[in-house]
Amino acid sequence: MESKAMQVVFTPDNEPYLGRDLLFHFDQIISSVMEQNAVTAPTSHGRALTDHQGMACQVIPQAISITLSIRELVRQGYLFGAHVLLRALVERAAILLYLHLYPEEIDRWNRGWLQQDAPGLAKMFDAIQAKQQRDPSVRGRDLTASMNSLLHAKPDSAPWNLVSMGGKGLGHAVSKILNRPELCDDLCANVIPWVAVVHGMMAAYFPHKPIV
């Protein structure tokens, strides 16, 4: 019987991290958001949309697509690539939440959401926390630090693709990572809340067809 280490393509019945609790919950929220999208998306067709809804019609599908990409990378053992994609998902979820809480900022989106004009991810986090009266000691830059390190190949991104090389110590993986369940758990724990935000924003921007 072929071992996991020799497997070229994994399927849902033999993927390397099958049975992890957080991965199971990740799959559950994917199912939920896809069900909600199947109900919500048709309500945006063939009618005039507000600027906010037009933005949501672009950003929500992108966020869902990235979520599914992350899930498939996990299935195939490409945990490092999945972690790198996390920031792309978080940024879209943050945009949806930020523009919901600060609707007047939609003008920045309409101008192109340009780097010199729109708030960065850390500033959006700070603004969201201020609006929700969260602990101000947790700064946006602290929440984005690890994601930025992964995206920009900073020295402290090294642990995310370390693998054991047996008696030769540790090395940096160039392909599948099949024996680091804690890395899979960390990814799922970080992804799940942001998929939940996307789910909630779908109902917020298109509130008339919720799933009961």
Foldseek 3Di string as FASTA:
>chain_A
DDDPVPDQAFDQVPFQLPPDPLLVVLVVLLVVLVVQCVQQVVVPPPDDADLLVVLLNPLLVVLSVLSVVLNRCSRRQVLLVSLLSLVVNLQSLLVLLLCLLVVVCSVCVVVPVDPVRHDDQQVSVQVSCVSVVHDNVDGSCNVCVQNVCSNVVPPVVQVLQWDQPPPVGIDGDPGGDRPDNVSVSVSSVSRVVSSVSSSVSSCVRRVPGGDD
